Amino acid sequence: MNNLSNVKYIKKNITKEWLIFNKFRHNRLLSDGTVDVYTYRFPVLKHDKFIVLECELRVTLDDEKIDVNVFDYNTNNKYAPFYCCEYGNYDNILRKINNRIDKEIDELQISKSCIGEE
């Protein structure tokens, strides 16, 4: 399974208006007087009708790099198999998570490239 830590996400010319229009919210916990951070969370895995895991896209205003993280739903606890996929047999679940993230990234017209391809 391809590890997303080797993937770089870029969106050129990010503006506050674009972020708000695309459901990003100002994150006052991560922001300070000099840096404005916006986040967008969306479900990536459900069990029955319940959200189990969600993805967070994090962007700093005036920076084109977008960080991608996967959390247990409604927490700040990162989902370990997303980051350490070489341990255990998580291929099926990671494929579902990655497909959902890719779909959202495509809808937001965010560029994706593997580190080392540049």
PDB file of N, CA and C in Angstrom:
ATOM      1  N   MET A   1       0.848  -1.186   0.000  1.00  0.00           N
ATOM      2  CA  MET A   1       0.000   0.000   0.000  1.00  0.00           C
ATOM      3  C   MET A   1       0.883   1.235   0.000  1.00  0.00           C
ATOM      4  N   ASN A   2       0.541   2.205  -0.788  1.00  0.00           N
ATOM      5  CA  ASN A   2       1.315   3.431  -0.905  1.00  0.00           C
ATOM      6  C   ASN A   2       1.121   4.303   0.328  1.00  0.00           C
ATOM      7  N   ASN A   3       2.209   4.741   0.914  1.00  0.00           N
ATOM      8  CA  ASN A   3       2.164   5.569   2.108  1.00  0.00           C
ATOM      9  C   ASN A   3       1.968   7.031   1.712  1.00  0.00           C
ATOM     10  N   LEU A   4       0.934   7.670   2.255  1.00  0.00           N
ATOM     11  CA  LEU A   4       0.647   9.054   1.892  1.00  0.00           C
ATOM     12  C   LEU A   4       1.642  10.036   2.477  1.00  0.00           C
ATOM     13  N   SER A   5       2.546   9.571   3.346  1.00  0.00           N
ATOM     14  CA  SER A   5       3.564  10.483   3.851  1.00  0.00           C
ATOM     15  C   SER A   5       4.543  10.848   2.736  1.00  0.00           C
ATOM     16  N   ASN A   6       4.528  10.091   1.640  1.00  0.00           N
ATOM     17  CA  ASN A   6       5.386  10.380   0.490  1.00  0.00           C
ATOM     18  C   ASN A   6       4.684  11.260  -0.538  1.00  0.00           C
ATOM     19  N   VAL A   7       3.507  11.764  -0.207  1.00  0.00           N
ATOM     20  CA  VAL A   7       2.714  12.566  -1.137  1.00  0.00           C
ATOM     21  C   VAL A   7       2.688  14.013  -0.659  1.00  0.00           C
ATOM     22  N   LYS A   8       2.815  14.925  -1.616  1.00  0.00           N
ATOM     23  CA  LYS A   8       2.780  16.353  -1.332  1.00  0.00           C
ATOM     24  C   LYS A   8       1.543  16.942  -2.000  1.00  0.00           C
ATOM     25  N   TYR A   9       0.780  17.739  -1.257  1.00  0.00           N
ATOM     26  CA  TYR A   9      -0.432  18.364  -1.782  1.00  0.00           C
ATOM     27  C   TYR A   9      -0.208  19.870  -1.892  1.00  0.00           C
ATOM     28  N   ILE A  10      -0.555  20.416  -3.058  1.00  0.00           N
ATOM     29  CA  ILE A  10      -0.316  21.825  -3.360  1.00  0.00           C
ATOM     30  C   ILE A  10      -1.581  22.440  -3.975  1.00  0.00           C
ATOM     31  N   LYS A  11      -1.894  23.653  -3.543  1.00  0.00           N
ATOM     32  CA  LYS A  11      -2.960  24.446  -4.158  1.00  0.00           C
ATOM     33  C   LYS A  11      -2.417  25.851  -4.357  1.00  0.00           C
ATOM     34  N   LYS A  12      -2.270  26.236  -5.605  1.00  0.00           N
ATOM     35  CA  LYS A  12      -1.726  27.561  -5.927  1.00  0.00           C
ATOM     36  C   LYS A  12      -2.764  28.650  -5.644  1.00  0.00           C
ATOM     37  N   ASN A  13      -2.288  29.818  -5.263  1.00  0.00           N
ATOM     38  CA  ASN A  13      -3.119  31.015  -5.080  1.00  0.00           C
ATOM     39  C   ASN A  13      -4.287  30.802  -4.113  1.00  0.00           C
ATOM     40  N   ILE A  14      -4.009  30.263  -2.954  1.00  0.00           N
ATOM     41  CA  ILE A  14      -5.054  30.074  -1.943  1.00  0.00           C
ATOM     42  C   ILE A  14      -5.406  31.427  -1.333  1.00  0.00           C
ATOM     43  N   THR A  15      -6.697  31.696  -1.299  1.00  0.00           N
ATOM     44  CA  THR A  15      -7.182  32.929  -0.668  1.00  0.00           C
ATOM     45  C   THR A  15      -8.148  32.570   0.452  1.00  0.00           C
ATOM     46  N   LYS A  16      -8.365  33.518   1.324  1.00  0.00           N
ATOM     47  CA  LYS A  16      -9.318  33.332   2.418  1.00  0.00           C
ATOM     48  C   LYS A  16     -10.715  33.049   1.858  1.00  0.00           C
ATOM     49  N   GLU A  17     -11.075  33.717   0.779  1.00  0.00           N
ATOM     50  CA  GLU A  17     -12.387  33.525   0.163  1.00  0.00           C
ATOM     51  C   GLU A  17     -12.538  32.101  -0.377  1.00  0.00           C
ATOM     52  N   TRP A  18     -11.473  31.592  -1.030  1.00  0.00           N
ATOM     53  CA  TRP A  18     -11.519  30.223  -1.549  1.00  0.00           C
ATOM     54  C   TRP A  18     -11.671  29.225  -0.408  1.00  0.00           C
ATOM     55  N   LEU A  19     -10.938  29.429   0.677  1.00  0.00           N
ATOM     56  CA  LEU A  19     -11.008  28.527   1.825  1.00  0.00           C
ATOM     57  C   LEU A  19     -12.420  28.497   2.412  1.00  0.00           C
ATOM     58  N   ILE A  20     -12.983  29.652   2.648  1.00  0.00           N
ATOM     59  CA  ILE A  20     -14.323  29.721   3.235  1.00  0.00           C
ATOM     60  C   ILE A  20     -15.367  29.135   2.295  1.00  0.00           C
ATOM     61  N   PHE A  21     -15.267  29.440   1.003  1.00  0.00           N
ATOM     62  CA  PHE A  21     -16.200  28.894   0.023  1.00  0.00           C
ATOM     63  C   PHE A  21     -16.158  27.368   0.004  1.00  0.00           C
ATOM     64  N   ASN A  22     -14.988  26.784   0.252  1.00  0.00           N
ATOM     65  CA  ASN A  22     -14.822  25.334   0.221  1.00  0.00           C
ATOM     66  C   ASN A  22     -14.890  24.690   1.603  1.00  0.00           C
ATOM     67  N   LYS A  23     -15.538  25.368   2.549  1.00  0.00           N
ATOM     68  CA  LYS A  23     -15.873  24.831   3.869  1.00  0.00           C
ATOM     69  C   LYS A  23     -14.695  24.679   4.825  1.00  0.00           C
ATOM     70  N   PHE A  24     -13.588  25.342   4.537  1.00  0.00           N
ATOM     71  CA  PHE A  24     -12.499  25.393   5.507  1.00  0.00           C
ATOM     72  C   PHE A  24     -12.905  26.386   6.593  1.00  0.00           C
ATOM     73  N   ARG A  25     -12.452  26.115   7.807  1.00  0.00           N
ATOM     74  CA  ARG A  25     -12.751  27.017   8.915  1.00  0.00           C
ATOM     75  C   ARG A  25     -11.464  27.506   9.548  1.00  0.00           C
ATOM     76  N   HIS A  26     -11.507  28.742   9.992  1.00  0.00           N
ATOM     77  CA  HIS A  26     -10.349  29.298  10.688  1.00  0.00           C
ATOM     78  C   HIS A  26     -10.160  28.508  11.989  1.00  0.00           C
ATOM     79  N   ASN A  27      -8.943  28.044  12.224  1.00  0.00           N
ATOM     80  CA  ASN A  27      -8.655  27.257  13.419  1.00  0.00           C
ATOM     81  C   ASN A  27      -7.894  28.143  14.393  1.00  0.00           C
ATOM     82  N   ARG A  28      -8.602  28.641  15.387  1.00  0.00           N
ATOM     83  CA  ARG A  28      -7.980  29.583  16.314  1.00  0.00           C
ATOM     84  C   ARG A  28      -6.969  28.915  17.240  1.00  0.00           C
ATOM     85  N   LEU A  29      -7.083  27.595  17.437  1.00  0.00           N
ATOM     86  CA  LEU A  29      -6.118  26.894  18.280  1.00  0.00           C
ATOM     87  C   LEU A  29      -4.754  26.755  17.604  1.00  0.00           C
ATOM     88  N   LEU A  30      -4.747  26.633  16.290  1.00  0.00           N
ATOM     89  CA  LEU A  30      -3.495  26.478  15.550  1.00  0.00           C
ATOM     90  C   LEU A  30      -2.952  27.806  15.023  1.00  0.00           C
ATOM     91  N   SER A  31      -3.781  28.826  15.012  1.00  0.00           N
ATOM     92  CA  SER A  31      -3.385  30.137  14.501  1.00  0.00           C
ATOM     93  C   SER A  31      -2.794  30.981  15.627  1.00  0.00           C
ATOM     94  N   ASP A  32      -2.019  31.983  15.236  1.00  0.00           N
ATOM     95  CA  ASP A  32      -1.558  32.981  16.193  1.00  0.00           C
ATOM     96  C   ASP A  32      -1.595  34.346  15.504  1.00  0.00           C
ATOM     97  N   GLY A  33      -0.991  35.347  16.085  1.00  0.00           N
ATOM     98  CA  GLY A  33      -1.052  36.701  15.538  1.00  0.00           C
ATOM     99  C   GLY A  33      -0.411  36.856  14.172  1.00  0.00           C
ATOM    100  N   THR A  34       0.501  35.950  13.807  1.00  0.00           N
ATOM    101  CA  THR A  34       1.198  36.086  12.529  1.00  0.00           C
ATOM    102  C   THR A  34       0.792  35.037  11.507  1.00  0.00           C
ATOM    103  N   VAL A  35       0.169  33.943  11.948  1.00  0.00           N
ATOM    104  CA  VAL A  35      -0.168  32.823  11.059  1.00  0.00           C
ATOM    105  C   VAL A  35      -1.654  32.500  11.184  1.00  0.00           C
ATOM    106  N   ASP A  36      -2.340  32.434  10.041  1.00  0.00           N
ATOM    107  CA  ASP A  36      -3.742  32.021  10.011  1.00  0.00           C
ATOM    108  C   ASP A  36      -3.826  30.615   9.441  1.00  0.00           C
ATOM    109  N   VAL A  37      -4.346  29.689  10.242  1.00  0.00           N
ATOM    110  CA  VAL A  37      -4.474  28.297   9.826  1.00  0.00           C
ATOM    111  C   VAL A  37      -5.953  27.975   9.638  1.00  0.00           C
ATOM    112  N   TYR A  38      -6.253  27.301   8.516  1.00  0.00           N
ATOM    113  CA  TYR A  38      -7.611  26.877   8.209  1.00  0.00           C
ATOM    114  C   TYR A  38      -7.633  25.360   8.091  1.00  0.00           C
ATOM    115  N   THR A  39      -8.713  24.756   8.571  1.00  0.00           N
ATOM    116  CA  THR A  39      -8.847  23.303   8.504  1.00  0.00           C
ATOM    117  C   THR A  39     -10.204  22.919   7.927  1.00  0.00           C
ATOM    118  N   TYR A  40     -10.227  21.743   7.355  1.00  0.00           N
ATOM    119  CA  TYR A  40     -11.457  21.179   6.785  1.00  0.00           C
ATOM    120  C   TYR A  40     -11.447  19.693   7.108  1.00  0.00           C
ATOM    121  N   ARG A  41     -12.468  19.226   7.802  1.00  0.00           N
ATOM    122  CA  ARG A  41     -12.579  17.806   8.147  1.00  0.00           C
ATOM    123  C   ARG A  41     -13.755  17.185   7.415  1.00  0.00           C
ATOM    124  N   PHE A  42     -13.541  15.946   6.951  1.00  0.00           N
ATOM    125  CA  PHE A  42     -14.597  15.220   6.264  1.00  0.00           C
ATOM    126  C   PHE A  42     -14.444  13.732   6.577  1.00  0.00           C
ATOM    127  N   PRO A  43     -15.550  12.989   6.563  1.00  0.00           N
ATOM    128  CA  PRO A  43     -15.482  11.555   6.888  1.00  0.00           C
ATOM    129  C   PRO A  43     -14.764  10.760   5.804  1.00  0.00           C
ATOM    130  N   VAL A  44     -13.945   9.802   6.235  1.00  0.00           N
ATOM    131  CA  VAL A  44     -13.269   8.919   5.281  1.00  0.00           C
ATOM    132  C   VAL A  44     -13.639   7.461   5.491  1.00  0.00           C
ATOM    133  N   LEU A  45     -14.232   7.141   6.641  1.00  0.00           N
ATOM    134  CA  LEU A  45     -14.631   5.755   6.884  1.00  0.00           C
ATOM    135  C   LEU A  45     -15.834   5.734   7.815  1.00  0.00           C
ATOM    136  N   LYS A  46     -16.850   4.973   7.419  1.00  0.00           N
ATOM    137  CA  LYS A  46     -18.048   4.805   8.235  1.00  0.00           C
ATOM    138  C   LYS A  46     -18.261   3.328   8.520  1.00  0.00           C
ATOM    139  N   HIS A  47     -18.865   3.054   9.661  1.00  0.00           N
ATOM    140  CA  HIS A  47     -19.311   1.703   9.997  1.00  0.00           C
ATOM    141  C   HIS A  47     -20.803   1.814  10.251  1.00  0.00           C
ATOM    142  N   ASP A  48     -21.588   1.081   9.485  1.00  0.00           N
ATOM    143  CA  ASP A  48     -23.036   1.267   9.439  1.00  0.00           C
ATOM    144  C   ASP A  48     -23.282   2.729   9.069  1.00  0.00           C
ATOM    145  N   LYS A  49     -23.938   3.483   9.920  1.00  0.00           N
ATOM    146  CA  LYS A  49     -24.206   4.888   9.620  1.00  0.00           C
ATOM    147  C   LYS A  49     -23.319   5.827  10.443  1.00  0.00           C
ATOM    148  N   PHE A  50     -22.375   5.269  11.170  1.00  0.00           N
ATOM    149  CA  PHE A  50     -21.553   6.061  12.073  1.00  0.00           C
ATOM    150  C   PHE A  50     -20.172   6.351  11.478  1.00  0.00           C
ATOM    151  N   ILE A  51     -19.757   7.597  11.583  1.00  0.00           N
ATOM    152  CA  ILE A  51     -18.431   7.982  11.134  1.00  0.00           C
ATOM    153  C   ILE A  51     -17.414   7.450  12.133  1.00  0.00           C
ATOM    154  N   VAL A  52     -16.388   6.782  11.609  1.00  0.00           N
ATOM    155  CA  VAL A  52     -15.344   6.206  12.450  1.00  0.00           C
ATOM    156  C   VAL A  52     -14.052   7.013  12.328  1.00  0.00           C
ATOM    157  N   LEU A  53     -13.694   7.356  11.093  1.00  0.00           N
ATOM    158  CA  LEU A  53     -12.467   8.113  10.838  1.00  0.00           C
ATOM    159  C   LEU A  53     -12.779   9.323   9.977  1.00  0.00           C
ATOM    160  N   GLU A  54     -12.021  10.386  10.214  1.00  0.00           N
ATOM    161  CA  GLU A  54     -12.168  11.576   9.384  1.00  0.00           C
ATOM    162  C   GLU A  54     -10.796  12.112   8.991  1.00  0.00           C
ATOM    163  N   CYS A  55     -10.781  12.787   7.867  1.00  0.00           N
ATOM    164  CA  CYS A  55      -9.556  13.393   7.358  1.00  0.00           C
ATOM    165  C   CYS A  55      -9.607  14.889   7.642  1.00  0.00           C
ATOM    166  N   GLU A  56      -8.452  15.434   7.941  1.00  0.00           N
ATOM    167  CA  GLU A  56      -8.338  16.877   8.114  1.00  0.00           C
ATOM    168  C   GLU A  56      -7.351  17.418   7.095  1.00  0.00           C
ATOM    169  N   LEU A  57      -7.796  18.397   6.323  1.00  0.00           N
ATOM    170  CA  LEU A  57      -6.914  19.147   5.440  1.00  0.00           C
ATOM    171  C   LEU A  57      -6.572  20.429   6.185  1.00  0.00           C
ATOM    172  N   ARG A  58      -5.285  20.701   6.290  1.00  0.00           N
ATOM    173  CA  ARG A  58      -4.829  21.871   7.044  1.00  0.00           C
ATOM    174  C   ARG A  58      -3.969  22.744   6.141  1.00  0.00           C
ATOM    175  N   VAL A  59      -4.316  24.030   6.102  1.00  0.00           N
ATOM    176  CA  VAL A  59      -3.573  24.959   5.243  1.00  0.00           C
ATOM    177  C   VAL A  59      -3.311  26.252   6.008  1.00  0.00           C
ATOM    178  N   THR A  60      -2.125  26.783   5.794  1.00  0.00           N
ATOM    179  CA  THR A  60      -1.769  28.083   6.334  1.00  0.00           C
ATOM    180  C   THR A  60      -2.003  29.105   5.243  1.00  0.00           C
ATOM    181  N   LEU A  61      -2.735  30.152   5.575  1.00  0.00           N
ATOM    182  CA  LEU A  61      -3.015  31.197   4.597  1.00  0.00           C
ATOM    183  C   LEU A  61      -1.696  31.746   4.063  1.00  0.00           C
ATOM    184  N   ASP A  62      -1.630  31.991   2.781  1.00  0.00           N
ATOM    185  CA  ASP A  62      -0.443  32.471   2.071  1.00  0.00           C
ATOM    186  C   ASP A  62       0.621  31.392   1.897  1.00  0.00           C
ATOM    187  N   ASP A  63       0.252  30.118   2.079  1.00  0.00           N
ATOM    188  CA  ASP A  63       1.168  29.007   1.812  1.00  0.00           C
ATOM    189  C   ASP A  63       0.413  28.046   0.908  1.00  0.00           C
ATOM    190  N   GLU A  64       1.075  27.483  -0.056  1.00  0.00           N
ATOM    191  CA  GLU A  64       0.395  26.615  -1.019  1.00  0.00           C
ATOM    192  C   GLU A  64       0.382  25.151  -0.604  1.00  0.00           C
ATOM    193  N   LYS A  65       1.087  24.803   0.461  1.00  0.00           N
ATOM    194  CA  LYS A  65       1.153  23.417   0.916  1.00  0.00           C
ATOM    195  C   LYS A  65      -0.062  23.064   1.781  1.00  0.00           C
ATOM    196  N   ILE A  66      -0.610  21.873   1.538  1.00  0.00           N
ATOM    197  CA  ILE A  66      -1.759  21.403   2.305  1.00  0.00           C
ATOM    198  C   ILE A  66      -1.367  20.118   3.024  1.00  0.00           C
ATOM    199  N   ASP A  67      -1.563  20.096   4.340  1.00  0.00           N
ATOM    200  CA  ASP A  67      -1.261  18.919   5.142  1.00  0.00           C
ATOM    201  C   ASP A  67      -2.509  18.051   5.248  1.00  0.00           C
ATOM    202  N   VAL A  68      -2.301  16.738   5.185  1.00  0.00           N
ATOM    203  CA  VAL A  68      -3.396  15.771   5.266  1.00  0.00           C
ATOM    204  C   VAL A  68      -3.155  14.858   6.467  1.00  0.00           C
ATOM    205  N   ASN A  69      -4.159  14.760   7.341  1.00  0.00           N
ATOM    206  CA  ASN A  69      -4.083  13.875   8.502  1.00  0.00           C
ATOM    207  C   ASN A  69      -5.384  13.106   8.640  1.00  0.00           C
ATOM    208  N   VAL A  70      -5.307  11.919   9.248  1.00  0.00           N
ATOM    209  CA  VAL A  70      -6.493  11.110   9.505  1.00  0.00           C
ATOM    210  C   VAL A  70      -6.607  10.911  11.010  1.00  0.00           C
ATOM    211  N   PHE A  71      -7.808  11.175  11.530  1.00  0.00           N
ATOM    212  CA  PHE A  71      -8.067  11.117  12.963  1.00  0.00           C
ATOM    213  C   PHE A  71      -9.226  10.175  13.277  1.00  0.00           C
ATOM    214  N   ASP A  72      -9.226   9.649  14.506  1.00  0.00           N
ATOM    215  CA  ASP A  72     -10.432   9.021  15.011  1.00  0.00           C
ATOM    216  C   ASP A  72     -11.488  10.116  15.035  1.00  0.00           C
ATOM    217  N   TYR A  73     -12.704   9.750  14.728  1.00  0.00           N
ATOM    218  CA  TYR A  73     -13.758  10.744  14.560  1.00  0.00           C
ATOM    219  C   TYR A  73     -13.894  11.674  15.763  1.00  0.00           C
ATOM    220  N   ASN A  74     -13.947  12.957  15.474  1.00  0.00           N
ATOM    221  CA  ASN A  74     -14.213  14.013  16.444  1.00  0.00           C
ATOM    222  C   ASN A  74     -13.176  14.082  17.565  1.00  0.00           C
ATOM    223  N   THR A  75     -11.933  13.699  17.258  1.00  0.00           N
ATOM    224  CA  THR A  75     -10.848  13.781  18.243  1.00  0.00           C
ATOM    225  C   THR A  75      -9.612  14.342  17.560  1.00  0.00           C
ATOM    226  N   ASN A  76      -8.565  14.483  18.329  1.00  0.00           N
ATOM    227  CA  ASN A  76      -7.258  14.840  17.779  1.00  0.00           C
ATOM    228  C   ASN A  76      -6.316  13.649  17.867  1.00  0.00           C
ATOM    229  N   ASN A  77      -6.866  12.445  17.974  1.00  0.00           N
ATOM    230  CA  ASN A  77      -6.066  11.222  18.015  1.00  0.00           C
ATOM    231  C   ASN A  77      -5.846  10.726  16.595  1.00  0.00           C
ATOM    232  N   LYS A  78      -4.599  10.761  16.153  1.00  0.00           N
ATOM    233  CA  LYS A  78      -4.300  10.318  14.791  1.00  0.00           C
ATOM    234  C   LYS A  78      -4.505   8.813  14.675  1.00  0.00           C
ATOM    235  N   TYR A  79      -4.959   8.390  13.500  1.00  0.00           N
ATOM    236  CA  TYR A  79      -5.191   6.978  13.209  1.00  0.00           C
ATOM    237  C   TYR A  79      -3.855   6.355  12.803  1.00  0.00           C
ATOM    238  N   ALA A  80      -3.233   5.616  13.705  1.00  0.00           N
ATOM    239  CA  ALA A  80      -1.859   5.115  13.545  1.00  0.00           C
ATOM    240  C   ALA A  80      -1.622   4.322  12.252  1.00  0.00           C
ATOM    241  N   PRO A  81      -2.495   3.407  11.834  1.00  0.00           N
ATOM    242  CA  PRO A  81      -2.208   2.642  10.606  1.00  0.00           C
ATOM    243  C   PRO A  81      -2.070   3.510   9.353  1.00  0.00           C
ATOM    244  N   PHE A  82      -2.630   4.711   9.361  1.00  0.00           N
ATOM    245  CA  PHE A  82      -2.491   5.610   8.221  1.00  0.00           C
ATOM    246  C   PHE A  82      -1.042   6.069   8.072  1.00  0.00           C
ATOM    247  N   TYR A  83      -0.338   6.160   9.182  1.00  0.00           N
ATOM    248  CA  TYR A  83       1.026   6.668   9.186  1.00  0.00           C
ATOM    249  C   TYR A  83       2.075   5.553   9.200  1.00  0.00           C
ATOM    250  N   CYS A  84       1.743   4.427   9.781  1.00  0.00           N
ATOM    251  CA  CYS A  84       2.677   3.289   9.888  1.00  0.00           C
ATOM    252  C   CYS A  84       2.057   2.078   9.211  1.00  0.00           C
ATOM    253  N   CYS A  85       1.788   2.192   7.919  1.00  0.00           N
ATOM    254  CA  CYS A  85       1.040   1.150   7.211  1.00  0.00           C
ATOM    255  C   CYS A  85       1.852  -0.110   6.973  1.00  0.00           C
ATOM    256  N   GLU A  86       3.156  -0.067   7.199  1.00  0.00           N
ATOM    257  CA  GLU A  86       3.961  -1.270   6.971  1.00  0.00           C
ATOM    258  C   GLU A  86       3.787  -2.300   8.090  1.00  0.00           C
ATOM    259  N   TYR A  87       3.207  -1.902   9.210  1.00  0.00           N
ATOM    260  CA  TYR A  87       2.980  -2.824  10.315  1.00  0.00           C
ATOM    261  C   TYR A  87       1.522  -3.268  10.315  1.00  0.00           C
ATOM    262  N   GLY A  88       1.271  -4.535  10.110  1.00  0.00           N
ATOM    263  CA  GLY A  88      -0.093  -5.042  10.108  1.00  0.00           C
ATOM    264  C   GLY A  88      -0.656  -5.164   8.709  1.00  0.00           C
ATOM    265  N   ASN A  89      -1.860  -5.669   8.636  1.00  0.00           N
ATOM    266  CA  ASN A  89      -2.526  -5.879   7.357  1.00  0.00           C
ATOM    267  C   ASN A  89      -3.697  -4.899   7.238  1.00  0.00           C
ATOM    268  N   TYR A  90      -3.387  -3.692   6.811  1.00  0.00           N
ATOM    269  CA  TYR A  90      -4.385  -2.633   6.727  1.00  0.00           C
ATOM    270  C   TYR A  90      -4.679  -2.221   5.288  1.00  0.00           C
ATOM    271  N   ASP A  91      -4.253  -3.022   4.323  1.00  0.00           N
ATOM    272  CA  ASP A  91      -4.377  -2.626   2.918  1.00  0.00           C
ATOM    273  C   ASP A  91      -5.801  -2.258   2.520  1.00  0.00           C
ATOM    274  N   ASN A  92      -6.774  -3.067   2.894  1.00  0.00           N
ATOM    275  CA  ASN A  92      -8.160  -2.802   2.478  1.00  0.00           C
ATOM    276  C   ASN A  92      -8.697  -1.505   3.069  1.00  0.00           C
ATOM    277  N   ILE A  93      -8.486  -1.304   4.344  1.00  0.00           N
ATOM    278  CA  ILE A  93      -9.011  -0.098   4.993  1.00  0.00           C
ATOM    279  C   ILE A  93      -8.264   1.142   4.504  1.00  0.00           C
ATOM    280  N   LEU A  94      -6.946   1.021   4.310  1.00  0.00           N
ATOM    281  CA  LEU A  94      -6.173   2.166   3.804  1.00  0.00           C
ATOM    282  C   LEU A  94      -6.555   2.510   2.376  1.00  0.00           C
ATOM    283  N   ARG A  95      -6.886   1.521   1.588  1.00  0.00           N
ATOM    284  CA  ARG A  95      -7.340   1.770   0.214  1.00  0.00           C
ATOM    285  C   ARG A  95      -8.636   2.585   0.236  1.00  0.00           C
ATOM    286  N   LYS A  96      -9.562   2.224   1.117  1.00  0.00           N
ATOM    287  CA  LYS A  96     -10.814   2.984   1.233  1.00  0.00           C
ATOM    288  C   LYS A  96     -10.552   4.420   1.679  1.00  0.00           C
ATOM    289  N   ILE A  97      -9.679   4.571   2.668  1.00  0.00           N
ATOM    290  CA  ILE A  97      -9.349   5.909   3.176  1.00  0.00           C
ATOM    291  C   ILE A  97      -8.695   6.740   2.077  1.00  0.00           C
ATOM    292  N   ASN A  98      -7.699   6.178   1.414  1.00  0.00           N
ATOM    293  CA  ASN A  98      -6.990   6.909   0.360  1.00  0.00           C
ATOM    294  C   ASN A  98      -7.900   7.276  -0.803  1.00  0.00           C
ATOM    295  N   ASN A  99      -8.814   6.378  -1.177  1.00  0.00           N
ATOM    296  CA  ASN A  99      -9.754   6.682  -2.257  1.00  0.00           C
ATOM    297  C   ASN A  99     -10.657   7.852  -1.885  1.00  0.00           C
ATOM    298  N   ARG A 100     -11.106   7.875  -0.644  1.00  0.00           N
ATOM    299  CA  ARG A 100     -11.986   8.963  -0.190  1.00  0.00           C
ATOM    300  C   ARG A 100     -11.226  10.290  -0.152  1.00  0.00           C
ATOM    301  N   ILE A 101      -9.976  10.247   0.314  1.00  0.00           N
ATOM    302  CA  ILE A 101      -9.156  11.463   0.343  1.00  0.00           C
ATOM    303  C   ILE A 101      -8.893  11.946  -1.080  1.00  0.00           C
ATOM    304  N   ASP A 102      -8.533  11.028  -1.968  1.00  0.00           N
ATOM    305  CA  ASP A 102      -8.279  11.402  -3.368  1.00  0.00           C
ATOM    306  C   ASP A 102      -9.499  12.046  -4.009  1.00  0.00           C
ATOM    307  N   LYS A 103     -10.670  11.523  -3.712  1.00  0.00           N
ATOM    308  CA  LYS A 103     -11.902  12.086  -4.269  1.00  0.00           C
ATOM    309  C   LYS A 103     -12.084  13.537  -3.811  1.00  0.00           C
ATOM    310  N   GLU A 104     -11.879  13.774  -2.529  1.00  0.00           N
ATOM    311  CA  GLU A 104     -12.041  15.132  -1.992  1.00  0.00           C
ATOM    312  C   GLU A 104     -10.968  16.074  -2.547  1.00  0.00           C
ATOM    313  N   ILE A 105      -9.744  15.591  -2.640  1.00  0.00           N
ATOM    314  CA  ILE A 105      -8.638  16.383  -3.178  1.00  0.00           C
ATOM    315  C   ILE A 105      -8.933  16.780  -4.629  1.00  0.00           C
ATOM    316  N   ASP A 106      -9.456  15.831  -5.406  1.00  0.00           N
ATOM    317  CA  ASP A 106      -9.817  16.121  -6.798  1.00  0.00           C
ATOM    318  C   ASP A 106     -10.920  17.161  -6.893  1.00  0.00           C
ATOM    319  N   GLU A 107     -11.930  17.056  -6.037  1.00  0.00           N
ATOM    320  CA  GLU A 107     -13.036  18.010  -6.054  1.00  0.00           C
ATOM    321  C   GLU A 107     -12.565  19.425  -5.723  1.00  0.00           C
ATOM    322  N   LEU A 108     -11.566  19.523  -4.855  1.00  0.00           N
ATOM    323  CA  LEU A 108     -11.022  20.825  -4.472  1.00  0.00           C
ATOM    324  C   LEU A 108      -9.942  21.313  -5.444  1.00  0.00           C
ATOM    325  N   GLN A 109      -9.653  20.510  -6.443  1.00  0.00           N
ATOM    326  CA  GLN A 109      -8.651  20.832  -7.467  1.00  0.00           C
ATOM    327  C   GLN A 109      -7.282  21.125  -6.843  1.00  0.00           C
ATOM    328  N   ILE A 110      -6.910  20.253  -5.920  1.00  0.00           N
ATOM    329  CA  ILE A 110      -5.609  20.335  -5.261  1.00  0.00           C
ATOM    330  C   ILE A 110      -4.676  19.390  -6.009  1.00  0.00           C
ATOM    331  N   SER A 111      -3.469  19.863  -6.295  1.00  0.00           N
ATOM    332  CA  SER A 111      -2.477  19.054  -6.997  1.00  0.00           C
ATOM    333  C   SER A 111      -1.811  18.086  -6.038  1.00  0.00           C
ATOM    334  N   LYS A 112      -1.479  16.915  -6.578  1.00  0.00           N
ATOM    335  CA  LYS A 112      -0.873  15.872  -5.768  1.00  0.00           C
ATOM    336  C   LYS A 112       0.373  15.380  -6.496  1.00  0.00           C
ATOM    337  N   SER A 113       1.485  15.278  -5.774  1.00  0.00           N
ATOM    338  CA  SER A 113       2.693  14.731  -6.373  1.00  0.00           C
ATOM    339  C   SER A 113       3.460  13.927  -5.331  1.00  0.00           C
ATOM    340  N   CYS A 114       4.179  12.925  -5.786  1.00  0.00           N
ATOM    341  CA  CYS A 114       4.995  12.121  -4.879  1.00  0.00           C
ATOM    342  C   CYS A 114       6.305  12.840  -4.632  1.00  0.00           C
ATOM    343  N   ILE A 115       6.760  12.810  -3.395  1.00  0.00           N
ATOM    344  CA  ILE A 115       8.035  13.419  -3.041  1.00  0.00           C
ATOM    345  C   ILE A 115       9.127  12.677  -3.783  1.00  0.00           C
ATOM    346  N   GLY A 116       9.999  13.432  -4.421  1.00  0.00           N
ATOM    347  CA  GLY A 116      11.060  12.824  -5.205  1.00  0.00           C
ATOM    348  C   GLY A 116      10.790  12.887  -6.706  1.00  0.00           C
ATOM    349  N   GLU A 117       9.543  13.197  -7.099  1.00  0.00           N
ATOM    350  CA  GLU A 117       9.189  13.302  -8.528  1.00  0.00           C
ATOM    351  C   GLU A 117       9.462  14.686  -9.081  1.00  0.00           C
ATOM    352  N   GLU A 118       9.668  15.660  -8.203  1.00  0.00           N
ATOM    353  CA  GLU A 118       9.759  17.053  -8.634  1.00  0.00           C
ATOM    354  C   GLU A 118      10.968  17.332  -9.450  1.00  0.00           C
TER     355      GLU A 118
END
